[in-house]
Structure formats: C-alpha cells, structure tokens
Amino acid sequence: MKSEKTNNLEHILIKCITACETCATLCLQEDHVKMMVKCIQLDRDCADICALTSRFVARNSPHAQHVMRECIEICQACHDECAKHEHDHCQKCAEACQECVDACKDWLASKTTTM
C-alpha cells in the first residue's frame, strides 16, 4: 500500500506535467515565440521527466531515487526560466515546478532516511 506522501507526490508530478504542457502550448501562441524557446524546451523536458518519475514512483522502482534527482534538477531549471516571464501560464508553471521540487526533495529525504 502506498503512503500518503507517495500519493501526494504522484498528484504533484501530474499537476506539474499539466502545467508544463499548458505553458509550452501557450508559449507557442505568444507573439514573440523566439524569446520563449528556452521556456518551451524546459517545459517539455520537465513534463517528460515528471512523467517518467511518476511511473518509477508508482511501481516502487529501486531506481526511483536516481530519476528523482534528475527530476528535481530539471524542475528547478524550468521554474527558474518560467519565473522570468510575466505571462500567467509561465507564472503558474513556475509555481507548479517549485511545488514539484519541494515534494520530490521531501520524498527523497524520507527514502534516504529509511534506508
């Protein structure tokens, strides 16, 4: 049976995927798309690593911790980039990414202290 912390993490990962996909889609509709290229690339990377991480966590993979560290790094980079832009979708994505970073760090800390 999954812990409440794991269930919460999975929910936050899915929320981050959705925010990143939405942000990338809306960035492509901005007037100055070329200025949004780095944001779009990070959105896509972040959505993909969150999806992979959620699958590793869901199946309790022994490799989840390794993937989680990469997820934290990419989510932080996505947060940092999205936070630079004033668009509402970028700000919402930055918030979701920060929430994901915090939840991943919390989950990772709980796993390393129980081993």
C-alpha atoms as a PDB file:
ATOM      1  CA  MET A   1       0.000   0.000   0.000  1.00  0.00           C
ATOM      2  CA  LYS A   2       1.305   3.442  -0.930  1.00  0.00           C
ATOM      3  CA  SER A   3       1.951   6.055   1.697  1.00  0.00           C
ATOM      4  CA  GLU A   4       0.119   9.370   1.755  1.00  0.00           C
ATOM      5  CA  LYS A   5       3.441  11.075   0.916  1.00  0.00           C
ATOM      6  CA  THR A   6       3.788   8.940  -2.231  1.00  0.00           C
ATOM      7  CA  ASN A   7       0.177   9.556  -3.286  1.00  0.00           C
ATOM      8  CA  ASN A   8       0.680  13.295  -2.771  1.00  0.00           C
ATOM      9  CA  LEU A   9       3.911  13.228  -4.780  1.00  0.00           C
ATOM     10  CA  GLU A  10       2.228  11.447  -7.685  1.00  0.00           C
ATOM     11  CA  HIS A  11      -0.532  14.068  -7.683  1.00  0.00           C
ATOM     12  CA  ILE A  12       2.020  16.912  -7.677  1.00  0.00           C
ATOM     13  CA  LEU A  13       4.019  15.297 -10.506  1.00  0.00           C
ATOM     14  CA  ILE A  14       0.869  15.064 -12.647  1.00  0.00           C
ATOM     15  CA  LYS A  15      -0.017  18.666 -11.797  1.00  0.00           C
ATOM     16  CA  CYS A  16       3.479  19.721 -12.942  1.00  0.00           C
ATOM     17  CA  ILE A  17       3.147  17.757 -16.197  1.00  0.00           C
ATOM     18  CA  THR A  18      -0.127  19.537 -16.929  1.00  0.00           C
ATOM     19  CA  ALA A  19       1.284  22.974 -16.078  1.00  0.00           C
ATOM     20  CA  CYS A  20       4.354  22.402 -18.264  1.00  0.00           C
ATOM     21  CA  GLU A  21       2.361  21.110 -21.232  1.00  0.00           C
ATOM     22  CA  THR A  22      -0.041  24.046 -20.945  1.00  0.00           C
ATOM     23  CA  CYS A  23       2.816  26.524 -20.672  1.00  0.00           C
ATOM     24  CA  ALA A  24       4.616  25.107 -23.722  1.00  0.00           C
ATOM     25  CA  THR A  25       1.419  25.183 -25.773  1.00  0.00           C
ATOM     26  CA  LEU A  26       0.601  28.768 -24.793  1.00  0.00           C
ATOM     27  CA  CYS A  27       4.214  29.908 -25.284  1.00  0.00           C
ATOM     28  CA  LEU A  28       3.924  28.735 -28.887  1.00  0.00           C
ATOM     29  CA  GLN A  29       0.998  31.133 -29.291  1.00  0.00           C
ATOM     30  CA  GLU A  30       2.893  34.171 -27.983  1.00  0.00           C
ATOM     31  CA  ASP A  31       3.758  36.999 -30.382  1.00  0.00           C
ATOM     32  CA  HIS A  32       7.499  36.643 -29.784  1.00  0.00           C
ATOM     33  CA  VAL A  33       7.888  32.874 -29.851  1.00  0.00           C
ATOM     34  CA  LYS A  34      11.650  33.059 -30.395  1.00  0.00           C
ATOM     35  CA  MET A  35      12.004  34.638 -26.954  1.00  0.00           C
ATOM     36  CA  MET A  36      10.157  31.649 -25.490  1.00  0.00           C
ATOM     37  CA  VAL A  37      12.282  28.855 -26.994  1.00  0.00           C
ATOM     38  CA  LYS A  38      14.221  28.047 -23.815  1.00  0.00           C
ATOM     39  CA  CYS A  39      10.992  28.091 -21.802  1.00  0.00           C
ATOM     40  CA  ILE A  40       9.284  25.732 -24.250  1.00  0.00           C
ATOM     41  CA  GLN A  41      12.241  23.336 -24.275  1.00  0.00           C
ATOM     42  CA  LEU A  42      12.387  23.215 -20.484  1.00  0.00           C
ATOM     43  CA  ASP A  43       8.607  22.803 -20.268  1.00  0.00           C
ATOM     44  CA  ARG A  44       8.820  19.745 -22.494  1.00  0.00           C
ATOM     45  CA  ASP A  45      11.817  18.284 -20.651  1.00  0.00           C
ATOM     46  CA  CYS A  46      10.148  18.894 -17.316  1.00  0.00           C
ATOM     47  CA  ALA A  47       6.866  17.283 -18.379  1.00  0.00           C
ATOM     48  CA  ASP A  48       8.741  14.242 -19.666  1.00  0.00           C
ATOM     49  CA  ILE A  49      10.913  13.758 -16.575  1.00  0.00           C
ATOM     50  CA  CYS A  50       7.892  14.194 -14.297  1.00  0.00           C
ATOM     51  CA  ALA A  51       6.001  11.542 -16.277  1.00  0.00           C
ATOM     52  CA  LEU A  52       8.942   9.149 -16.039  1.00  0.00           C
ATOM     53  CA  THR A  53       9.404   9.884 -12.349  1.00  0.00           C
ATOM     54  CA  SER A  54       5.729   9.269 -11.612  1.00  0.00           C
ATOM     55  CA  ARG A  55       5.941   5.856 -13.274  1.00  0.00           C
ATOM     56  CA  PHE A  56       9.093   4.901 -11.336  1.00  0.00           C
ATOM     57  CA  VAL A  57       7.481   6.019  -8.063  1.00  0.00           C
ATOM     58  CA  ALA A  58       4.191   4.250  -8.844  1.00  0.00           C
ATOM     59  CA  ARG A  59       5.933   0.925  -9.368  1.00  0.00           C
ATOM     60  CA  ASN A  60       8.284   1.463  -6.419  1.00  0.00           C
ATOM     61  CA  SER A  61      11.305   1.054  -8.665  1.00  0.00           C
ATOM     62  CA  PRO A  62      14.676   0.745  -6.951  1.00  0.00           C
ATOM     63  CA  HIS A  63      15.849   3.355  -9.488  1.00  0.00           C
ATOM     64  CA  ALA A  64      13.229   5.948  -8.496  1.00  0.00           C
ATOM     65  CA  GLN A  65      15.718   7.873  -6.366  1.00  0.00           C
ATOM     66  CA  HIS A  66      18.108   8.319  -9.305  1.00  0.00           C
ATOM     67  CA  VAL A  67      15.326   9.555 -11.578  1.00  0.00           C
ATOM     68  CA  MET A  68      14.010  11.762  -8.764  1.00  0.00           C
ATOM     69  CA  ARG A  69      17.319  13.638  -8.537  1.00  0.00           C
ATOM     70  CA  GLU A  70      17.170  14.433 -12.253  1.00  0.00           C
ATOM     71  CA  CYS A  71      13.536  15.452 -11.880  1.00  0.00           C
ATOM     72  CA  ILE A  72      14.489  17.920  -9.153  1.00  0.00           C
ATOM     73  CA  GLU A  73      17.228  19.419 -11.330  1.00  0.00           C
ATOM     74  CA  ILE A  74      15.028  19.838 -14.412  1.00  0.00           C
ATOM     75  CA  CYS A  75      12.002  21.112 -12.467  1.00  0.00           C
ATOM     76  CA  GLN A  76      14.217  23.699 -10.785  1.00  0.00           C
ATOM     77  CA  ALA A  77      15.587  24.828 -14.155  1.00  0.00           C
ATOM     78  CA  CYS A  78      12.055  25.029 -15.571  1.00  0.00           C
ATOM     79  CA  HIS A  79      10.906  27.018 -12.542  1.00  0.00           C
ATOM     80  CA  ASP A  80      13.803  29.442 -12.891  1.00  0.00           C
ATOM     81  CA  GLU A  81      13.126  30.022 -16.592  1.00  0.00           C
ATOM     82  CA  CYS A  82       9.339  30.325 -16.317  1.00  0.00           C
ATOM     83  CA  ALA A  83       9.651  32.715 -13.369  1.00  0.00           C
ATOM     84  CA  LYS A  84      11.472  35.160 -15.680  1.00  0.00           C
ATOM     85  CA  HIS A  85       8.382  35.584 -17.874  1.00  0.00           C
ATOM     86  CA  GLU A  86       5.349  37.663 -16.923  1.00  0.00           C
ATOM     87  CA  HIS A  87       2.822  35.504 -18.787  1.00  0.00           C
ATOM     88  CA  ASP A  88       0.231  33.995 -16.477  1.00  0.00           C
ATOM     89  CA  HIS A  89       0.869  30.494 -17.854  1.00  0.00           C
ATOM     90  CA  CYS A  90       4.604  30.850 -17.155  1.00  0.00           C
ATOM     91  CA  GLN A  91       3.973  32.022 -13.600  1.00  0.00           C
ATOM     92  CA  LYS A  92       1.578  29.115 -12.964  1.00  0.00           C
ATOM     93  CA  CYS A  93       4.128  26.705 -14.395  1.00  0.00           C
ATOM     94  CA  ALA A  94       6.867  28.156 -12.187  1.00  0.00           C
ATOM     95  CA  GLU A  95       4.636  27.612  -9.144  1.00  0.00           C
ATOM     96  CA  ALA A  96       3.874  24.014 -10.128  1.00  0.00           C
ATOM     97  CA  CYS A  97       7.554  23.310 -10.749  1.00  0.00           C
ATOM     98  CA  GLN A  98       8.555  24.711  -7.352  1.00  0.00           C
ATOM     99  CA  GLU A  99       5.867  22.624  -5.658  1.00  0.00           C
ATOM    100  CA  CYS A 100       7.222  19.587  -7.500  1.00  0.00           C
ATOM    101  CA  VAL A 101      10.825  20.332  -6.492  1.00  0.00           C
ATOM    102  CA  ASP A 102       9.771  20.633  -2.853  1.00  0.00           C
ATOM    103  CA  ALA A 103       7.690  17.438  -2.920  1.00  0.00           C
ATOM    104  CA  CYS A 104      10.450  15.480  -4.663  1.00  0.00           C
ATOM    105  CA  LYS A 105      13.062  16.650  -2.164  1.00  0.00           C
ATOM    106  CA  ASP A 106      10.746  15.739   0.701  1.00  0.00           C
ATOM    107  CA  TRP A 107      10.043  12.277  -0.746  1.00  0.00           C
ATOM    108  CA  LEU A 108      13.733  11.689  -1.466  1.00  0.00           C
ATOM    109  CA  ALA A 109      14.705  12.721   2.074  1.00  0.00           C
ATOM    110  CA  SER A 110      12.155  10.303   3.535  1.00  0.00           C
ATOM    111  CA  LYS A 111      13.538   7.461   1.407  1.00  0.00           C
ATOM    112  CA  THR A 112      17.184   8.079   2.251  1.00  0.00           C
ATOM    113  CA  THR A 113      16.476   8.251   5.989  1.00  0.00           C
ATOM    114  CA  THR A 114      14.594   4.933   5.949  1.00  0.00           C
ATOM    115  CA  MET A 115      17.313   3.000   4.147  1.00  0.00           C
END
